[in-house]
Protein backbone atom coordinates (compact mmCIF):
# COMPACT_ATOMS: atom_id res chain seq x y z
CA UNK A 1 126.17 106.24 43.42
CA UNK A 2 122.78 105.12 42.97
CA UNK A 3 120.81 105.84 46.24
CA UNK A 4 119.86 102.95 48.33
CA UNK A 5 116.02 102.95 48.72
CA UNK A 6 115.38 103.55 52.74
CA UNK A 7 113.56 100.90 55.13
CA UNK A 8 110.92 103.35 55.66
CA UNK A 9 110.21 103.39 51.68
CA UNK A 10 110.97 99.54 50.66
CA UNK A 11 108.65 97.28 50.80
CA UNK A 12 108.09 94.85 54.11
CA UNK A 13 109.25 91.26 52.81
CA UNK A 14 107.94 88.14 54.20
CA UNK A 15 104.35 86.89 53.04
CA UNK A 16 102.60 90.42 52.59
CA UNK A 17 104.06 90.79 49.07
CA UNK A 18 101.72 90.16 46.48
CA UNK A 19 101.58 86.28 45.53
CA UNK A 20 101.43 87.44 41.72
CA UNK A 21 104.16 87.38 39.11
CA UNK A 22 104.13 90.64 37.70
CA UNK A 23 107.22 92.55 35.58
CA UNK A 24 107.29 96.14 35.12
CA UNK A 25 110.52 96.84 32.99
CA UNK A 26 112.85 93.56 30.56
CA UNK A 27 113.80 91.91 32.89
CA UNK A 28 117.16 92.46 34.72
CA UNK A 29 115.49 96.42 34.49
CA UNK A 30 117.29 99.55 33.92
CA UNK A 31 118.25 99.91 38.41
CA UNK A 32 119.59 96.42 38.61
CA UNK A 33 120.93 97.40 35.52
CA UNK A 34 123.03 100.35 36.80
CA UNK A 35 123.61 97.62 39.83
CA UNK A 36 125.32 95.14 38.77
CA UNK A 37 127.91 97.53 36.61
CA UNK A 38 128.70 98.67 39.88
CA UNK A 39 129.28 94.96 41.34
CA UNK A 40 131.52 93.94 38.22
CA UNK A 41 133.75 97.45 39.21
CA UNK A 42 133.58 96.52 43.43
CA UNK A 43 133.20 92.76 43.36
CA UNK A 44 136.13 90.00 42.59
CA UNK A 45 134.92 88.35 39.03
CA UNK A 46 134.56 84.79 40.26
CA UNK A 47 132.23 86.08 42.26
CA UNK A 48 128.93 85.47 39.47
CA UNK A 49 125.40 86.27 40.17
CA UNK A 50 122.60 83.70 37.41
CA UNK A 51 120.49 86.36 37.15
CA UNK A 52 121.63 89.95 37.47
CA UNK A 53 118.56 91.19 39.34
CA UNK A 54 118.86 92.93 42.39
CA UNK A 55 116.73 92.31 45.34
CA UNK A 56 114.34 94.48 47.96
CA UNK A 57 111.63 92.33 48.85
CA UNK A 58 110.79 88.77 49.07
CA UNK A 59 108.74 86.20 50.49
CA UNK A 60 105.68 83.81 50.58
CA UNK A 61 107.02 82.43 46.91
CA UNK A 62 108.34 86.05 45.36
CA UNK A 63 111.13 88.28 44.64
CA UNK A 64 110.53 91.51 44.47
CA UNK A 65 113.73 93.29 42.73
CA UNK A 66 114.32 96.91 43.22
CA UNK A 67 112.87 97.82 39.80
CA UNK A 68 109.53 96.86 40.70
CA UNK A 69 109.02 93.77 38.71
CA UNK A 70 107.88 90.41 41.27
CA UNK A 71 109.25 87.18 40.05
CA UNK A 72 108.43 83.69 41.18
CA UNK A 73 110.85 82.33 43.15
CA UNK A 74 111.44 78.58 42.28
CA UNK A 75 115.12 78.18 44.04
CA UNK A 76 114.50 79.43 47.91
CA UNK A 77 119.06 81.08 47.82
CA UNK A 78 119.75 77.95 47.27
CA UNK A 79 117.28 75.37 49.32
CA UNK A 80 117.76 77.95 52.31
CA UNK A 81 114.29 79.97 52.94
CA UNK A 82 112.31 76.91 52.64
CA UNK A 83 109.96 78.70 55.32
CA UNK A 84 110.10 81.49 53.45
CA UNK A 85 112.32 84.20 53.37
CA UNK A 86 111.83 87.11 56.38
CA UNK A 87 108.98 84.86 58.17
CA UNK A 88 107.76 86.46 60.53
CA UNK A 89 108.40 84.08 63.40
CA UNK A 90 112.22 83.92 62.57
CA UNK A 91 111.79 87.52 61.91
CA UNK A 92 110.68 88.42 65.12
CA UNK A 93 113.04 85.71 66.96
CA UNK A 94 116.36 87.04 65.44
CA UNK A 95 115.23 90.50 66.51
CA UNK A 96 114.85 89.98 69.73
CA UNK A 97 117.78 88.65 69.79
CA UNK A 98 120.01 91.25 68.04
CA UNK A 99 118.20 93.18 71.58
CA UNK A 100 120.31 90.99 73.74
CA UNK A 101 123.50 90.08 72.50
CA UNK A 102 124.75 89.52 68.97
CA UNK A 103 128.16 87.43 69.66
CA UNK A 104 130.20 86.24 72.63
CA UNK A 105 132.17 83.40 70.56
CA UNK A 106 130.37 80.03 71.67
CA UNK A 107 133.67 78.29 72.93
CA UNK A 108 134.56 81.14 74.98
CA UNK A 109 131.67 82.13 76.75
CA UNK A 110 127.99 79.72 76.04
CA UNK A 111 124.29 80.37 75.65
CA UNK A 112 121.28 78.91 75.41
CA UNK A 113 120.66 78.97 71.84
CA UNK A 114 123.47 76.85 71.21
CA UNK A 115 122.93 74.55 73.63
CA UNK A 116 118.57 74.14 72.36
CA UNK A 117 119.60 73.99 68.39
CA UNK A 118 122.28 70.98 69.40
CA UNK A 119 119.19 69.08 71.35
CA UNK A 120 116.73 69.52 68.59
CA UNK A 121 119.26 68.36 65.87
CA UNK A 122 119.67 64.99 68.45
CA UNK A 123 116.27 64.46 68.85
CA UNK A 124 114.89 64.76 65.03
CA UNK A 125 118.02 63.15 63.08
CA UNK A 126 117.73 59.37 62.06
CA UNK A 127 118.25 57.04 65.24
CA UNK A 128 116.90 56.79 68.75
CA UNK A 129 121.03 56.52 69.51
CA UNK A 130 122.70 59.16 71.70
CA UNK A 131 123.77 61.72 69.64
CA UNK A 132 125.54 65.34 69.61
CA UNK A 133 125.89 68.37 67.63
CA UNK A 134 128.94 70.45 66.68
CA UNK A 135 127.71 74.34 65.24
CA UNK A 136 129.27 75.96 62.56
CA UNK A 137 128.64 78.38 59.63
CA UNK A 138 128.75 76.89 55.99
CA UNK A 139 127.64 73.68 54.58
CA UNK A 140 131.23 73.93 53.52
CA UNK A 141 132.73 73.87 57.02
CA UNK A 142 130.37 71.16 58.37
CA UNK A 143 131.50 68.60 56.27
CA UNK A 144 135.15 69.47 56.34
CA UNK A 145 134.68 68.78 60.47
CA UNK A 146 132.80 65.67 59.91
CA UNK A 147 135.90 64.50 58.07
CA UNK A 148 137.99 65.47 60.69
CA UNK A 149 135.69 63.76 63.74
CA UNK A 150 135.27 60.66 61.32
CA UNK A 151 139.45 60.37 60.69
CA UNK A 152 140.21 60.96 64.54
CA UNK A 153 137.20 58.57 65.83
CA UNK A 154 138.89 55.91 63.26
CA UNK A 155 142.75 56.99 63.11
CA UNK A 156 142.36 56.67 59.34
CA UNK A 157 142.69 58.82 56.17
CA UNK A 158 141.02 58.01 53.22
CA UNK A 159 137.74 59.02 52.13
CA UNK A 160 135.16 58.20 49.53
CA UNK A 161 132.83 60.66 47.44
CA UNK A 162 131.09 59.53 44.60
CA UNK A 163 130.52 61.00 41.22
CA UNK A 164 127.96 63.84 40.72
CA UNK A 165 129.38 64.57 44.11
CA UNK A 166 129.22 68.59 45.36
CA UNK A 167 130.29 69.44 48.92
CA UNK A 168 131.22 72.49 49.15
CA UNK A 169 134.49 75.07 47.72
CA UNK A 170 136.61 74.92 50.41
CA UNK A 171 139.76 73.07 49.44
CA UNK A 172 138.70 69.50 51.10
CA UNK A 173 135.13 69.82 50.27
CA UNK A 174 136.49 70.96 46.27
CA UNK A 175 138.71 67.70 46.69
CA UNK A 176 135.09 65.83 47.21
CA UNK A 177 133.21 67.69 44.77
CA UNK A 178 133.26 65.77 41.33
CA UNK A 179 132.51 68.66 38.92
CA UNK A 180 135.56 70.69 37.80
CA UNK A 181 133.51 74.12 36.15
CA UNK A 182 132.84 76.19 37.68
CA UNK A 183 133.91 74.71 41.32
CA UNK A 184 136.95 72.87 41.18
CA UNK A 185 139.23 74.32 37.50
CA UNK A 186 142.76 75.95 38.37
CA UNK A 187 142.22 75.77 42.52
CA UNK A 188 144.71 72.96 43.08
CA UNK A 189 146.53 71.20 43.93
CA UNK A 190 143.81 69.45 46.51
CA UNK A 191 143.40 67.87 49.46
CA UNK A 192 144.68 64.26 49.86
CA UNK A 193 143.61 60.66 50.76
CA UNK A 194 140.14 61.59 48.92
CA UNK A 195 138.58 58.80 46.42
CA UNK A 196 135.75 58.51 44.31
CA UNK A 197 133.53 55.21 43.35
CA UNK A 198 130.20 55.41 41.21
CA UNK A 199 127.22 56.30 42.62
CA UNK A 200 124.08 54.96 41.54
CA UNK A 201 122.13 57.40 38.66
CA UNK A 202 119.12 54.83 37.61
CA UNK A 203 118.67 57.03 34.42
CA UNK A 204 122.38 56.10 33.15
CA UNK A 205 122.58 52.69 34.79
CA UNK A 206 120.37 50.61 32.43
CA UNK A 207 118.48 48.31 35.17
CA UNK A 208 121.25 48.01 37.13
CA UNK A 209 119.58 48.12 40.97
CA UNK A 210 120.30 50.03 44.09
CA UNK A 211 121.67 47.00 45.70
CA UNK A 212 123.98 45.83 42.52
CA UNK A 213 125.41 49.82 41.99
CA UNK A 214 126.49 49.50 46.10
CA UNK A 215 128.47 46.02 45.31
CA UNK A 216 130.04 48.06 42.44
CA UNK A 217 131.35 50.56 44.94
CA UNK A 218 132.08 48.61 46.89
CA UNK A 219 134.31 46.14 45.00
CA UNK A 220 135.81 49.83 43.62
CA UNK A 221 136.55 50.93 47.20
CA UNK A 222 138.17 47.56 48.52
CA UNK A 223 139.90 46.68 45.26
CA UNK A 224 141.51 50.35 45.92
CA UNK A 225 141.71 51.77 49.14
CA UNK A 226 140.78 48.31 51.23
CA UNK A 227 138.00 49.08 53.89
CA UNK A 228 141.43 48.94 56.76
CA UNK A 229 141.98 52.33 55.34
CA UNK A 230 138.93 54.29 55.01
CA UNK A 231 137.38 57.24 57.60
CA UNK A 232 134.34 57.73 56.18
CA UNK A 233 132.27 57.29 53.32
CA UNK A 234 129.70 60.72 52.53
CA UNK A 235 127.24 60.80 50.01
CA UNK A 236 123.99 63.25 49.45
CA UNK A 237 120.70 61.21 50.01
CA UNK A 238 120.09 62.76 46.82
CA UNK A 239 122.71 64.39 44.98
CA UNK A 240 121.85 68.42 45.05
CA UNK A 241 124.67 70.11 42.65
CA UNK A 242 125.49 66.51 40.92
CA UNK A 243 121.96 66.88 39.29
CA UNK A 244 118.86 66.13 41.79
CA UNK A 245 120.10 62.09 40.76
CA UNK A 246 117.88 59.86 43.42
CA UNK A 247 120.27 56.23 43.83
CA UNK A 248 117.62 53.67 43.13
CA UNK A 249 116.33 51.89 45.92
CA UNK A 250 118.97 49.37 48.47
CA UNK A 251 121.36 51.72 47.28
CA UNK A 252 122.10 53.90 50.30
CA UNK A 253 121.33 51.18 52.75
CA UNK A 254 123.96 48.49 51.28
CA UNK A 255 126.86 51.31 51.25
CA UNK A 256 125.47 52.06 55.21
CA UNK A 257 125.12 48.57 55.75
CA UNK A 258 129.14 47.52 54.52
CA UNK A 259 130.29 51.10 56.09
CA UNK A 260 128.77 49.83 59.87
CA UNK A 261 130.22 45.84 59.50
CA UNK A 262 133.60 47.76 58.58
CA UNK A 263 134.02 50.37 60.87
CA UNK A 264 134.02 53.10 58.57
CA UNK A 265 132.04 56.45 59.37
CA UNK A 266 128.85 56.54 57.14
CA UNK A 267 128.02 60.38 56.63
CA UNK A 268 125.13 61.93 54.76
CA UNK A 269 125.20 64.75 53.68
CA UNK A 270 121.91 66.46 54.13
CA UNK A 271 122.73 69.82 53.39
CA UNK A 272 120.48 70.65 50.57
CA UNK A 273 117.70 67.59 51.50
CA UNK A 274 117.45 68.56 54.97
CA UNK A 275 114.79 70.19 57.17
CA UNK A 276 111.31 69.20 55.17
CA UNK A 277 112.70 69.51 52.18
CA UNK A 278 112.26 65.93 50.30
CA UNK A 279 109.35 65.74 52.03
CA UNK A 280 110.54 64.43 54.45
CA UNK A 281 112.40 66.26 58.01
CA UNK A 282 115.80 64.56 56.30
CA UNK A 283 115.80 62.32 53.30
CA UNK A 284 117.53 59.80 54.60
CA UNK A 285 114.18 58.75 56.64
CA UNK A 286 112.48 57.49 52.86
CA UNK A 287 115.29 54.65 52.67
CA UNK A 288 114.91 54.20 56.95
CA UNK A 289 118.75 55.54 56.58
CA UNK A 290 120.65 55.94 59.89
CA UNK A 291 123.84 57.90 59.26
CA UNK A 292 126.68 57.59 61.57
CA UNK A 293 127.12 61.45 60.95
CA UNK A 294 124.42 63.63 59.20
CA UNK A 295 126.03 67.24 57.85
CA UNK A 296 123.08 69.78 57.96
CA UNK A 297 123.46 73.88 56.68
CA UNK A 298 121.31 75.59 54.19
CA UNK A 299 117.38 74.88 55.25
CA UNK A 300 118.47 75.24 59.11
CA UNK A 301 118.33 79.32 59.97
CA UNK A 302 115.84 80.44 57.35
CA UNK A 303 118.88 82.29 55.35
CA UNK A 304 121.23 82.75 57.96
CA UNK A 305 124.28 80.96 57.97
CA UNK A 306 124.89 78.35 59.96
CA UNK A 307 125.13 74.32 59.98
CA UNK A 308 125.72 71.61 62.08
CA UNK A 309 126.94 67.73 62.71
CA UNK A 310 125.17 65.26 64.26
CA UNK A 311 126.50 62.03 64.85
CA UNK A 312 126.92 58.97 67.76
CA UNK A 313 127.67 60.78 70.85
CA UNK A 314 131.15 57.97 70.47
CA UNK A 315 131.78 58.94 67.05
CA UNK A 316 130.99 62.84 67.89
CA UNK A 317 132.86 63.18 71.44
CA UNK A 318 135.94 61.44 69.89
CA UNK A 319 137.74 64.84 69.22
CA UNK A 320 140.29 66.28 71.99
CA UNK A 321 138.41 69.53 73.86
CA UNK A 322 139.10 72.68 71.68
CA UNK A 323 139.49 70.51 68.25
CA UNK A 324 136.57 71.34 67.24
CA UNK A 325 134.74 74.74 66.94
CA UNK A 326 135.43 78.58 65.23
CA UNK A 327 135.08 82.30 66.06
CA UNK A 328 131.20 82.21 64.97
CA UNK A 329 130.08 78.89 64.93
CA UNK A 330 126.80 79.18 66.03
CA UNK A 331 126.32 82.86 66.26
CA UNK A 332 123.85 83.27 68.87
CA UNK A 333 121.33 85.34 66.58
CA UNK A 334 121.68 82.52 63.62
CA UNK A 335 121.00 79.61 66.51
CA UNK A 336 117.59 82.11 67.69
CA UNK A 337 116.68 81.82 63.36
CA UNK A 338 117.23 77.94 63.62
CA UNK A 339 115.38 77.30 66.30
CA UNK A 340 111.75 79.30 65.40
CA UNK A 341 112.85 77.67 61.53
CA UNK A 342 112.90 74.69 63.11
CA UNK A 343 109.39 74.81 65.06
CA UNK A 344 107.50 76.04 61.29
CA UNK A 345 108.73 72.89 59.64
CA UNK A 346 107.29 70.73 62.54
CA UNK A 347 104.22 73.01 63.73
CA UNK A 348 103.45 74.75 59.84
CA UNK A 349 102.94 71.53 58.29
CA UNK A 350 105.97 72.30 56.01
CA UNK A 351 106.86 68.53 55.66
CA UNK A 352 103.06 67.96 54.39
CA UNK A 353 103.62 70.59 52.01
CA UNK A 354 106.53 69.58 50.53
CA UNK A 355 104.88 65.82 49.64
CA UNK A 356 102.13 68.35 48.08
CA UNK A 357 104.66 70.73 46.23
CA UNK A 358 105.82 67.17 45.36
CA UNK A 359 102.53 66.23 43.11
CA UNK A 360 101.86 69.54 41.79
CA UNK A 361 105.25 69.65 40.15
CA UNK A 362 105.81 66.37 38.87
CA UNK A 363 101.94 66.41 37.74
CA UNK A 364 102.60 69.14 35.27
CA UNK A 365 106.24 68.74 34.82
CA UNK A 366 105.41 64.84 33.71
CA UNK A 367 102.60 65.85 31.29
CA UNK A 368 105.32 67.90 29.83
CA UNK A 369 107.13 65.44 29.73
CA UNK A 370 104.63 63.08 27.60
CA UNK A 371 104.83 66.99 25.32
CA UNK A 372 108.90 67.55 24.84
CA UNK A 373 110.81 64.18 24.18
CA UNK A 374 113.79 66.48 24.94
CA UNK A 375 112.80 66.31 28.41
CA UNK A 376 114.96 63.16 29.30
CA UNK A 377 113.65 62.15 32.66
CA UNK A 378 111.81 64.31 36.04
CA UNK A 379 112.73 63.06 39.12
CA UNK A 380 113.00 64.11 42.62
CA UNK A 381 111.56 63.66 45.78
CA UNK A 382 109.41 66.80 47.84
CA UNK A 383 110.24 70.33 47.24
CA UNK A 384 113.52 69.35 45.53
CA UNK A 385 112.46 68.23 41.70
CA UNK A 386 114.38 68.22 38.02
CA UNK A 387 114.26 67.79 34.87
CA UNK A 388 117.36 66.31 32.68
CA UNK A 389 117.25 68.02 28.65
CA UNK A 390 118.61 65.68 26.09
CA UNK A 391 118.79 65.15 22.56
CA UNK A 392 116.28 62.72 22.08
CA UNK A 393 117.42 60.59 19.97
CA UNK A 394 120.60 59.63 21.66
CA UNK A 395 119.94 60.30 25.04
CA UNK A 396 123.04 62.73 25.30
CA UNK A 397 123.15 65.92 27.62
CA UNK A 398 122.08 69.29 25.65
CA UNK A 399 123.69 71.79 28.03
CA UNK A 400 123.01 74.90 25.43
CA UNK A 401 119.13 73.48 25.45
CA UNK A 402 119.39 74.52 29.36
CA UNK A 403 121.10 77.46 29.11
CA UNK A 404 118.81 78.86 26.70
CA UNK A 405 115.43 77.51 28.50
CA UNK A 406 116.79 78.60 32.15
CA UNK A 407 117.74 82.11 30.32
CA UNK A 408 113.86 82.47 28.96
CA UNK A 409 112.97 82.10 31.73
CA UNK A 410 114.98 84.59 33.84
CA UNK A 411 113.45 87.26 31.18
CA UNK A 412 109.68 85.81 31.74
CA UNK A 413 110.32 86.04 35.30
CA UNK A 414 111.05 82.74 36.83
CA UNK A 415 113.68 82.12 39.02
CA UNK A 416 114.85 78.36 37.91
CA UNK A 417 118.27 77.37 38.69
CA UNK A 418 120.18 74.91 36.79
CA UNK A 419 122.83 72.01 37.90
CA UNK A 420 124.12 68.69 36.88
CA UNK A 421 127.90 67.50 36.16
CA UNK A 422 127.00 67.55 32.30
CA UNK A 423 124.75 71.20 32.90
CA UNK A 424 121.99 69.76 31.37
CA UNK A 425 119.75 69.86 34.28
CA UNK A 426 117.22 72.11 35.43
CA UNK A 427 116.41 71.75 39.41
CA UNK A 428 112.92 72.93 41.44
CA UNK A 429 113.70 74.34 44.98
CA UNK A 430 110.66 76.46 45.84
CA UNK A 431 109.94 77.53 49.23
CA UNK A 432 107.57 75.81 50.83
CA UNK A 433 105.31 78.29 50.96
CA UNK A 434 104.57 79.18 47.77
CA UNK A 435 101.12 78.82 46.58
CA UNK A 436 99.68 76.09 44.32
CA UNK A 437 99.31 79.33 41.88
CA UNK A 438 102.67 79.80 41.35
CA UNK A 439 104.21 76.62 40.58
CA UNK A 440 100.85 76.31 37.74
CA UNK A 441 102.21 80.03 36.37
CA UNK A 442 106.03 78.77 36.62
CA UNK A 443 105.63 75.69 34.80
CA UNK A 444 103.70 77.02 31.66
CA UNK A 445 106.22 79.65 31.71
CA UNK A 446 108.62 76.69 31.29
CA UNK A 447 106.06 74.81 28.77
CA UNK A 448 106.38 78.24 27.21
CA UNK A 449 110.49 78.84 26.82
CA UNK A 450 111.04 75.14 25.80
CA UNK A 451 108.43 75.23 23.21
CA UNK A 452 110.30 78.50 21.48
CA UNK A 453 114.48 77.31 22.10
């Protein structure tokens, strides 16, 4: 068995790492290849690894693998490490909490950290109405609980999700998710009373405005389900796995207005868009959107597993005592990390930093788009930007090109993620602590590999 690098030998994570792309072996290197063979023999085949390097440290805007290669991190663990990996304030909070206690189960004996996270979420999420929060472990678990709460509050069963949506991998959230492979194929039957409506997708909608796209969706909902049967509408303000699709202006507010007028709970799934990611603390703020319930996870706790549902007090309080909770939900260590993480977003200028990252990425990517007609669109907000790759003559999705570009970028030491219903979108989700120099270098690599793909 390969000897694990000891703590004393391993480089420290956090911002102390050299913030420069450096390759000393091929990607993946020999130690990563060896460890990946162990992974293949020990881990279920369904748990894939997109880029089979194995990490020993990370921080700022880089990841250091066990072969000594330093890669540019344009994924941040799928929008998780917004404040940077192993951020010192988060690490300190975690260490302090571990020394006190690691677990009691909040539904058995409470602790202040859980309450403080709930207070912060109630204060910071959009809307000045009275709110309540409940904490869970993962985005999918929080989405499931949001649906539970909406059904209990309304006494209705039906739920509407949208084309290209991604909400998780549990049974109910697979039903809400649109994309079959790899998330749903072969795993059914799925939870019932889940319906799908058309999204506003400006790149492929022609001249359809946001309000017109909302009317199209609402008409389908009214005809196929009926408002009186509908418990909730759930939507990502900017779609994540579906392709970083930003709905046309007016689409989201029109849906929210219709939902409120018909007693339907409007759920904003901000699992990927939340916590400064889009250049606002929450993506809903870009259009003044105030959901009835808002779901958060990913960037909430600096890399520790935590999620939440926050919403109108009368809706959140509808569930009976004991109806919400779970053994690990709101774990004290994760709560300590979340408090430090949220204060970092607020106090360290990370909302503004996300806005600056948008300017840097869009400047470089727009220039690249003018050079290469295979980039159909550059889109997104803040540090949540994507390019859609297409056949330039037809605008048909080019998934094969996307796969080649991502693999070539990985080989050059740049971590990028693909997404999209058609598999033809490359997304950029850097930590908000990344330097401009690393961003420019990452896009320079993209330009190089795209020219040779």
